[in-house]
Protein backbone atom coordinates (compact mmCIF):
# COMPACT_ATOMS: atom_id res chain seq x y z
CA UNK A 1 123.66 -61.05 90.28
CA UNK A 2 126.01 -60.47 87.37
CA UNK A 3 127.55 -63.96 87.63
CA UNK A 4 124.29 -65.85 88.02
CA UNK A 5 124.45 -67.38 84.53
CA UNK A 6 127.76 -69.13 85.21
CA UNK A 7 126.46 -70.82 88.36
CA UNK A 8 123.21 -71.89 86.70
CA UNK A 9 124.94 -73.83 83.94
CA UNK A 10 126.22 -76.41 86.42
CA UNK A 11 122.80 -77.34 87.87
CA UNK A 12 120.62 -80.16 86.53
CA UNK A 13 116.81 -80.38 86.45
CA UNK A 14 114.36 -82.95 87.78
CA UNK A 15 110.86 -83.22 86.29
CA UNK A 16 107.94 -85.58 86.52
CA UNK A 17 106.09 -87.06 83.56
CA UNK A 18 102.59 -85.89 82.56
CA UNK A 19 100.43 -86.27 79.48
CA UNK A 20 97.04 -84.76 78.65
CA UNK A 21 95.10 -83.46 75.68
CA UNK A 22 96.07 -79.77 76.02
CA UNK A 23 98.30 -77.50 78.04
CA UNK A 24 95.35 -76.41 80.15
CA UNK A 25 94.45 -80.05 80.78
CA UNK A 26 97.97 -80.62 82.09
CA UNK A 27 97.72 -77.58 84.30
CA UNK A 28 94.31 -78.55 85.69
CA UNK A 29 95.82 -81.60 87.43
CA UNK A 30 99.04 -79.89 88.55
CA UNK A 31 99.94 -79.03 92.14
CA UNK A 32 102.25 -76.26 93.42
CA UNK A 33 105.85 -77.36 92.95
CA UNK A 34 105.11 -79.59 89.94
CA UNK A 35 107.28 -79.39 86.82
CA UNK A 36 105.26 -80.34 83.73
CA UNK A 37 107.19 -81.41 80.60
CA UNK A 38 105.40 -80.59 77.33
CA UNK A 39 106.01 -82.53 74.09
CA UNK A 40 106.76 -80.64 70.85
CA UNK A 41 103.80 -79.28 68.93
CA UNK A 42 101.53 -76.30 68.35
CA UNK A 43 99.12 -75.65 71.22
CA UNK A 44 96.27 -73.27 70.38
CA UNK A 45 94.41 -71.01 72.77
CA UNK A 46 95.32 -68.97 75.83
CA UNK A 47 96.96 -70.61 78.85
CA UNK A 48 96.81 -69.85 82.58
CA UNK A 49 99.65 -71.38 84.60
CA UNK A 50 98.67 -72.66 88.03
CA UNK A 51 100.27 -71.30 91.21
CA UNK A 52 103.71 -72.78 91.82
CA UNK A 53 103.84 -74.79 88.58
CA UNK A 54 106.66 -74.77 86.02
CA UNK A 55 105.62 -75.52 82.43
CA UNK A 56 108.72 -76.66 80.51
CA UNK A 57 109.06 -77.84 76.91
CA UNK A 58 110.82 -81.11 76.15
CA UNK A 59 112.48 -79.92 72.92
CA UNK A 60 112.73 -76.14 73.27
CA UNK A 61 111.01 -73.05 71.95
CA UNK A 62 111.63 -73.75 68.27
CA UNK A 63 109.51 -76.93 68.44
CA UNK A 64 106.93 -76.04 71.11
CA UNK A 65 104.51 -73.23 70.28
CA UNK A 66 101.63 -71.58 72.11
CA UNK A 67 99.39 -69.82 69.55
CA UNK A 68 96.88 -67.65 71.39
CA UNK A 69 95.01 -66.83 68.16
CA UNK A 70 94.35 -63.20 69.04
CA UNK A 71 93.41 -63.67 72.71
CA UNK A 72 93.86 -60.61 74.94
CA UNK A 73 96.48 -62.52 76.99
CA UNK A 74 98.32 -65.55 75.63
CA UNK A 75 99.82 -66.76 78.92
CA UNK A 76 98.72 -65.63 82.38
CA UNK A 77 100.72 -66.55 85.49
CA UNK A 78 99.88 -67.63 89.02
CA UNK A 79 102.05 -67.11 92.09
CA UNK A 80 105.61 -68.41 91.65
CA UNK A 81 104.78 -70.08 88.34
CA UNK A 82 107.17 -70.33 85.38
CA UNK A 83 107.33 -70.90 81.63
CA UNK A 84 110.44 -72.47 80.09
CA UNK A 85 111.25 -73.09 76.43
CA UNK A 86 108.16 -72.03 74.43
CA UNK A 87 107.45 -69.82 71.45
CA UNK A 88 104.44 -67.65 72.29
CA UNK A 89 102.56 -65.98 69.42
CA UNK A 90 99.20 -64.46 68.62
CA UNK A 91 98.29 -62.60 71.79
CA UNK A 92 97.56 -58.92 72.23
CA UNK A 93 99.64 -59.22 75.40
CA UNK A 94 101.81 -62.28 75.14
CA UNK A 95 102.63 -62.81 78.84
CA UNK A 96 100.84 -61.15 81.77
CA UNK A 97 101.74 -61.06 85.46
CA UNK A 98 99.26 -59.35 87.78
CA UNK A 99 101.04 -58.83 91.10
CA UNK A 100 102.66 -62.27 91.40
CA UNK A 101 106.25 -63.45 91.20
CA UNK A 102 106.96 -65.39 87.97
CA UNK A 103 109.77 -66.88 85.89
CA UNK A 104 110.15 -66.81 82.10
CA UNK A 105 113.15 -68.59 80.58
CA UNK A 106 114.35 -69.65 77.13
CA UNK A 107 111.18 -68.43 75.40
CA UNK A 108 110.64 -66.73 72.04
CA UNK A 109 107.93 -64.12 72.42
CA UNK A 110 106.80 -62.65 69.10
CA UNK A 111 103.85 -61.66 66.90
CA UNK A 112 102.08 -59.86 69.75
CA UNK A 113 100.08 -56.73 68.98
CA UNK A 114 100.64 -54.74 72.20
CA UNK A 115 103.10 -56.03 74.84
CA UNK A 116 105.49 -58.96 75.00
CA UNK A 117 105.63 -59.23 78.81
CA UNK A 118 103.44 -57.08 81.06
CA UNK A 119 104.42 -56.99 84.74
CA UNK A 120 101.96 -55.08 86.92
CA UNK A 121 103.21 -55.05 90.52
CA UNK A 122 104.86 -58.16 91.89
CA UNK A 123 108.16 -59.17 90.33
CA UNK A 124 109.79 -61.66 87.95
CA UNK A 125 112.94 -63.42 86.84
CA UNK A 126 113.24 -63.15 83.04
CA UNK A 127 116.29 -64.79 81.50
CA UNK A 128 117.52 -66.10 78.13
CA UNK A 129 114.46 -65.01 76.14
CA UNK A 130 113.93 -63.40 72.75
CA UNK A 131 111.26 -60.70 72.77
CA UNK A 132 110.71 -59.51 69.22
CA UNK A 133 107.89 -57.08 68.52
CA UNK A 134 106.71 -54.64 65.89
CA UNK A 135 106.27 -50.98 65.04
CA UNK A 136 103.81 -50.18 67.85
CA UNK A 137 104.74 -52.71 70.54
CA UNK A 138 106.47 -52.65 73.93
CA UNK A 139 108.79 -55.56 74.60
CA UNK A 140 108.53 -55.51 78.41
CA UNK A 141 106.23 -53.13 80.29
CA UNK A 142 106.99 -52.93 84.01
CA UNK A 143 104.70 -51.04 86.43
CA UNK A 144 105.36 -50.84 90.18
CA UNK A 145 107.62 -53.91 90.03
CA UNK A 146 111.31 -54.75 90.42
CA UNK A 147 112.10 -57.78 88.23
CA UNK A 148 115.50 -59.23 87.36
CA UNK A 149 115.83 -59.19 83.56
CA UNK A 150 119.03 -60.84 82.36
CA UNK A 151 120.61 -62.17 79.14
CA UNK A 152 117.59 -61.47 76.90
CA UNK A 153 117.41 -60.22 73.32
CA UNK A 154 114.82 -57.43 73.11
CA UNK A 155 114.41 -56.24 69.54
CA UNK A 156 112.24 -54.53 66.92
CA UNK A 157 109.82 -52.79 69.30
CA UNK A 158 108.59 -49.23 69.57
CA UNK A 159 109.92 -49.39 73.17
CA UNK A 160 112.11 -52.26 74.28
CA UNK A 161 111.64 -51.82 78.04
CA UNK A 162 109.23 -49.37 79.65
CA UNK A 163 109.17 -48.82 83.42
CA UNK A 164 106.98 -46.71 85.73
CA UNK A 165 106.07 -46.36 89.40
CA UNK A 166 109.37 -46.26 91.26
CA UNK A 167 110.38 -49.76 92.30
CA UNK A 168 113.81 -50.50 90.83
CA UNK A 169 114.21 -53.29 88.22
CA UNK A 170 117.55 -54.77 87.15
CA UNK A 171 118.67 -55.03 83.51
CA UNK A 172 121.69 -57.33 83.34
CA UNK A 173 123.57 -58.26 80.12
CA UNK A 174 120.58 -57.85 77.78
CA UNK A 175 120.83 -56.93 74.11
CA UNK A 176 118.55 -54.10 72.97
CA UNK A 177 118.54 -54.15 69.19
CA UNK A 178 116.62 -52.17 66.56
CA UNK A 179 114.04 -50.69 68.92
CA UNK A 180 112.82 -47.14 68.30
CA UNK A 181 113.50 -46.48 72.02
CA UNK A 182 115.47 -49.11 73.93
CA UNK A 183 114.60 -48.10 77.53
CA UNK A 184 111.98 -45.58 78.60
CA UNK A 185 110.87 -44.28 82.00
CA UNK A 186 108.20 -41.58 81.65
CA UNK A 187 108.27 -40.79 85.39
CA UNK A 188 112.01 -41.14 85.97
CA UNK A 189 111.95 -44.51 87.74
CA UNK A 190 115.47 -45.74 88.45
CA UNK A 191 116.86 -48.82 86.72
CA UNK A 192 119.94 -50.82 87.71
CA UNK A 193 121.85 -51.54 84.49
CA UNK A 194 124.85 -53.80 84.08
CA UNK A 195 126.62 -54.90 80.90
CA UNK A 196 123.77 -54.35 78.44
CA UNK A 197 124.47 -53.99 74.70
CA UNK A 198 122.68 -51.32 72.65
CA UNK A 199 122.69 -52.10 68.95
CA UNK A 200 120.96 -50.04 66.27
CA UNK A 201 118.22 -48.46 68.38
CA UNK A 202 116.72 -45.14 67.27
CA UNK A 203 117.19 -43.85 70.82
CA UNK A 204 118.82 -45.75 73.66
CA UNK A 205 117.39 -43.95 76.71
CA UNK A 206 114.40 -41.78 77.58
CA UNK A 207 114.17 -40.67 81.20
CA UNK A 208 116.78 -43.25 82.31
CA UNK A 209 120.45 -42.92 83.20
CA UNK A 210 122.75 -45.37 81.36
CA UNK A 211 124.85 -47.90 83.24
CA UNK A 212 128.57 -47.28 83.56
CA UNK A 213 129.56 -50.50 81.79
CA UNK A 214 126.85 -50.74 79.13
CA UNK A 215 128.12 -51.00 75.55
CA UNK A 216 127.03 -49.33 72.32
CA UNK A 217 127.95 -51.58 69.41
CA UNK A 218 126.74 -54.37 67.15
CA UNK A 219 126.09 -57.64 68.94
CA UNK A 220 128.16 -60.60 67.77
CA UNK A 221 126.70 -63.87 66.53
CA UNK A 222 127.83 -65.60 69.74
CA UNK A 223 126.08 -62.98 71.87
CA UNK A 224 122.86 -63.38 69.90
CA UNK A 225 122.87 -67.16 70.49
CA UNK A 226 121.11 -67.28 73.84
CA UNK A 227 121.87 -70.08 76.29
CA UNK A 228 119.44 -73.01 76.22
CA UNK A 229 118.87 -76.18 78.22
CA UNK A 230 119.90 -74.84 81.62
CA UNK A 231 117.17 -76.82 83.39
CA UNK A 232 114.27 -76.57 85.81
CA UNK A 233 116.28 -76.90 89.04
CA UNK A 234 118.63 -74.09 88.07
CA UNK A 235 115.79 -71.78 87.13
CA UNK A 236 113.98 -72.59 90.37
CA UNK A 237 117.16 -71.62 92.22
CA UNK A 238 117.31 -68.33 90.31
CA UNK A 239 113.65 -67.64 91.08
CA UNK A 240 114.25 -68.25 94.78
CA UNK A 241 117.21 -65.87 94.80
CA UNK A 242 115.41 -63.11 92.90
CA UNK A 243 112.27 -63.60 95.00
CA UNK A 244 114.10 -62.89 98.25
CA UNK A 245 115.82 -59.81 96.82
CA UNK A 246 112.73 -58.33 95.18
CA UNK A 247 110.27 -59.03 97.99
CA UNK A 248 112.55 -57.49 100.61
CA UNK A 249 112.42 -54.09 98.86
CA UNK A 250 108.68 -54.05 98.09
CA UNK A 251 106.02 -52.14 100.08
CA UNK A 252 105.22 -53.35 103.60
CA UNK A 253 101.92 -53.91 105.40
CA UNK A 254 101.58 -54.15 109.18
CA UNK A 255 98.42 -55.43 110.86
CA UNK A 256 98.16 -54.24 114.48
CA UNK A 257 95.64 -56.52 116.17
CA UNK A 258 93.68 -55.13 119.12
CA UNK A 259 91.80 -56.71 122.02
CA UNK A 260 88.47 -55.84 120.36
CA UNK A 261 86.90 -58.41 117.99
CA UNK A 262 86.70 -57.22 114.40
CA UNK A 263 88.92 -54.19 114.97
CA UNK A 264 92.51 -53.86 113.78
CA UNK A 265 94.89 -51.17 112.64
CA UNK A 266 96.69 -51.28 109.32
CA UNK A 267 99.97 -49.54 108.47
CA UNK A 268 101.34 -49.52 104.91
CA UNK A 269 104.74 -48.12 103.94
CA UNK A 270 105.77 -47.26 100.38
CA UNK A 271 109.01 -45.89 98.88
CA UNK A 272 107.07 -43.20 97.00
CA UNK A 273 104.36 -40.70 97.91
CA UNK A 274 101.57 -41.61 95.48
CA UNK A 275 99.80 -44.93 95.99
CA UNK A 276 96.45 -46.37 97.01
CA UNK A 277 95.40 -49.13 99.39
CA UNK A 278 92.04 -50.85 99.04
CA UNK A 279 90.28 -53.03 101.57
CA UNK A 280 90.04 -56.65 100.44
CA UNK A 281 86.42 -56.99 101.59
CA UNK A 282 83.65 -54.66 100.43
CA UNK A 283 82.01 -54.54 103.85
CA UNK A 284 85.15 -53.33 105.60
CA UNK A 285 84.59 -50.06 107.47
CA UNK A 286 87.51 -47.62 107.43
CA UNK A 287 87.09 -45.74 110.71
CA UNK A 288 90.15 -43.46 110.48
CA UNK A 289 93.12 -42.85 108.18
CA UNK A 290 96.24 -40.69 108.19
CA UNK A 291 99.16 -40.40 105.75
CA UNK A 292 102.53 -38.81 106.40
CA UNK A 293 106.18 -38.59 105.38
CA UNK A 294 108.14 -40.55 107.99
CA UNK A 295 111.35 -38.57 107.36
CA UNK A 296 109.84 -35.10 107.79
CA UNK A 297 106.63 -35.90 109.74
CA UNK A 298 104.77 -33.79 107.16
CA UNK A 299 101.20 -34.73 106.35
CA UNK A 300 100.46 -36.24 102.93
CA UNK A 301 97.38 -35.62 100.86
CA UNK A 302 95.07 -38.63 101.23
CA UNK A 303 91.40 -39.15 100.44
CA UNK A 304 88.77 -41.83 100.81
CA UNK A 305 87.25 -43.28 97.65
CA UNK A 306 85.68 -46.47 96.32
CA UNK A 307 87.75 -48.61 93.96
CA UNK A 308 86.28 -50.49 91.02
CA UNK A 309 84.05 -53.22 92.40
CA UNK A 310 83.05 -51.23 95.48
CA UNK A 311 86.13 -51.76 97.65
CA UNK A 312 86.78 -49.02 100.25
CA UNK A 313 90.06 -47.31 99.39
CA UNK A 314 92.36 -44.60 100.61
CA UNK A 315 94.33 -42.92 97.82
CA UNK A 316 97.53 -41.10 98.77
CA UNK A 317 98.19 -38.59 95.96
CA UNK A 318 101.30 -36.41 96.13
CA UNK A 319 102.81 -36.14 92.62
CA UNK A 320 104.87 -33.12 93.64
CA UNK A 321 106.95 -35.32 95.96
CA UNK A 322 109.52 -37.11 93.83
CA UNK A 323 112.02 -38.17 96.52
CA UNK A 324 112.06 -41.92 97.07
CA UNK A 325 113.27 -43.88 100.10
CA UNK A 326 112.69 -47.30 101.59
CA UNK A 327 109.52 -47.36 103.79
CA UNK A 328 109.40 -43.56 103.81
CA UNK A 329 105.73 -42.79 103.07
CA UNK A 330 103.20 -44.14 105.55
CA UNK A 331 99.44 -44.68 105.52
CA UNK A 332 97.74 -45.67 108.78
CA UNK A 333 94.13 -46.86 108.89
CA UNK A 334 91.73 -48.35 111.42
CA UNK A 335 89.50 -51.12 110.07
CA UNK A 336 86.38 -52.78 111.41
CA UNK A 337 85.53 -56.13 109.84
CA UNK A 338 84.17 -58.89 112.10
CA UNK A 339 84.86 -61.70 109.62
CA UNK A 340 88.58 -60.84 109.51
CA UNK A 341 89.30 -60.91 113.24
CA UNK A 342 87.16 -63.17 115.39
CA UNK A 343 87.31 -64.65 118.89
CA UNK A 344 86.45 -68.34 119.32
CA UNK A 345 84.52 -69.97 122.20
CA UNK A 346 87.62 -71.98 123.20
CA UNK A 347 89.57 -68.79 123.93
CA UNK A 348 91.55 -68.42 120.70
CA UNK A 349 91.58 -65.66 118.12
CA UNK A 350 91.59 -66.02 114.33
CA UNK A 351 92.84 -63.45 111.83
CA UNK A 352 91.82 -64.03 108.18
CA UNK A 353 92.63 -61.34 105.65
CA UNK A 354 93.54 -61.09 101.96
CA UNK A 355 96.45 -58.86 100.89
CA UNK A 356 98.66 -58.29 97.86
CA UNK A 357 101.38 -56.33 99.68
CA UNK A 358 104.51 -58.54 99.75
CA UNK A 359 106.15 -57.71 103.10
CA UNK A 360 103.65 -58.72 105.75
CA UNK A 361 103.86 -58.22 109.51
CA UNK A 362 101.14 -59.02 112.05
CA UNK A 363 101.52 -57.53 115.54
CA UNK A 364 99.76 -59.73 118.08
CA UNK A 365 98.18 -58.22 121.19
CA UNK A 366 100.27 -58.42 124.38
CA UNK A 367 99.97 -61.87 125.97
CA UNK A 368 99.16 -63.69 122.71
CA UNK A 369 101.30 -65.98 120.54
CA UNK A 370 101.11 -67.57 117.10
CA UNK A 371 99.69 -71.09 117.19
CA UNK A 372 99.09 -71.55 113.44
CA UNK A 373 100.03 -69.43 110.40
CA UNK A 374 100.73 -69.48 106.66
CA UNK A 375 103.64 -71.59 105.46
CA UNK A 376 106.87 -69.61 105.67
CA UNK A 377 105.69 -67.32 108.47
CA UNK A 378 108.12 -66.69 111.32
CA UNK A 379 107.51 -65.17 114.74
CA UNK A 380 109.78 -62.92 116.76
CA UNK A 381 109.36 -61.21 120.10
CA UNK A 382 109.44 -57.42 120.20
CA UNK A 383 109.02 -56.12 123.72
CA UNK A 384 105.80 -57.56 125.12
CA UNK A 385 104.36 -58.37 121.69
CA UNK A 386 104.98 -61.14 119.20
CA UNK A 387 105.41 -60.16 115.53
CA UNK A 388 104.57 -62.65 112.77
CA UNK A 389 106.42 -61.97 109.49
CA UNK A 390 105.88 -63.33 105.99
CA UNK A 391 107.25 -62.56 102.51
CA UNK A 392 104.64 -63.36 99.85
CA UNK A 393 104.54 -61.79 96.39
CA UNK A 394 101.04 -61.91 94.96
CA UNK A 395 97.63 -62.25 96.56
CA UNK A 396 97.97 -63.92 99.95
CA UNK A 397 95.10 -65.23 102.04
CA UNK A 398 96.41 -64.83 105.57
CA UNK A 399 95.22 -67.30 108.18
CA UNK A 400 96.57 -66.87 111.68
CA UNK A 401 95.40 -68.62 114.86
CA UNK A 402 96.36 -66.93 118.14
CA UNK A 403 96.41 -68.53 121.57
CA UNK A 404 97.15 -67.07 125.01
CA UNK A 405 100.88 -67.06 125.61
CA UNK A 406 100.66 -69.17 128.75
CA UNK A 407 98.60 -71.83 126.97
CA UNK A 408 101.08 -72.10 124.10
CA UNK A 409 104.06 -72.32 126.42
CA UNK A 410 102.33 -74.97 128.55
CA UNK A 411 101.55 -77.08 125.48
CA UNK A 412 105.13 -76.93 124.17
CA UNK A 413 107.14 -80.19 124.62
């Protein structure tokens, strides 16, 4: 992705016109896919960006300001939402992403008391931003996520970029300047680094290996002048590219549907040996569970518990295992939940389930085929079973209608 900036500069944007009394008023009428232009001004209060919506300033960050006035979170993001060309001030956490995929471009993020951008699970495309903090702040805090972070200025923080929990983010041509620690990984999470500049930091790395072509020198005036005005279409294209790359290396969940109503098996694979998986409905019954290392067939320590809110959970806890590998560590469970998997009087079956694991596969029983599914889902035949696949970063309400294979084939034109 090192040449992504060059290709973006040639793409133009298309937006629609909207006016309302506040940013949140604009967002309340927006639909997924909308691009909302925002006139210059100071907008007070916290903002929550609707799923799939891009909020873009008309005149750029210097003239368009979100002042959260001390709110815990200044800007919260929905699935595949984006913020372009704003100054964000006054939040304890300026920008917060909880498990979704987001975009942040051409923003100035400053005067926050804790964290500039907090990414908990999910992923992000962060490009052409200034993230300027203070003595006790973290510029970007990344937990169990693998964002693309490119061409940003990250300066004046206690920690410029902090990463934990083993998915691998990318730092591409950023400038880390005057941070006490530029990049920190307390648990040794890997980071892909390419062409970053380290300028005047107290310490450049803690728990992270430097990139082979990173540079240690003062940034020039031209390098500090971040690119502006690239446009909504180009940033959407970048988000799509990063989405595919990041989702394809995230954890995977497999639902194995049975011929018994309400009963299905669940298989989750992670690249690391400590994780937890909660049921999405409190009345789910976990009948059995088993965790193991796929490479060695060794059993993993796993235990049943109740998560906050009363959700049945299995926690896989193996801190002594530090090796990481794609889909290596496996948790298998058997669920009973009648509302999630029901049989209809007209001979169809319906699977409804909420998940926040990005790589989703649903194994249909032999003799059954997908009749209806979430947008973007694709079906493939594997032996005598059809597999429905979907990539979806963030919380996803699955809705799948199954019909007997013969009926579906008969109905086809």
